[in-house]
């Protein structure tokens, strides 16, 4: 059984301001660094085999801070980069809702392309690390999309905001992916 713990990156200044980040490469803020430390502290007593991360700074920094507690190989995979939100990147929530109330942002990556890219990434992880325990540090929309796709609509995530540094666990059993839990944040102090 391949087990994957999906970790959303720690907070950035844009998260705190409600700005849509997408592929814009924003670093962690001090809260995000603390969240990553608390996540590393929480994960250190389990046996993990590898950390895979999106190449964006906020995910990479989260992975590196967590890895201070684990001492594992860190592998970057483009498959887990955040969704490209096109013209809406950098916009605060109120401005986005005013201009694009239907959330159809010009030049954004389609939901179908996003889901396909992420599922391809999960398959690559499963093929390369069979029967191992893998940490994947990624992004809110990416993790949300994976959980929705894997659960096949059995988990209603429509209005669920994944908190920064939350943990979501999936596993490959009996030839299919299963969602074991999601949006866990009990390891965080706030």
Foldseek 3Di string as FASTA:
>chain_A
DEKEKEWEFFAFVCVVQQFAAAQPQTAHDPRRLQLLLLLLVVPLVDDAAEEEEAPRRRQVSSVVNSCVSPVHHYHYDNLQGGWFLPPRGGPHPVVCCVVPVVSPHPPTDDLVVNLVSLVVVVVVCCVVPPPGYYYYYHHFVSVLSPQCVQCVNPDDCPPPGQHHGFIWMWDQDPNGIDTPGTSHDPSDPD
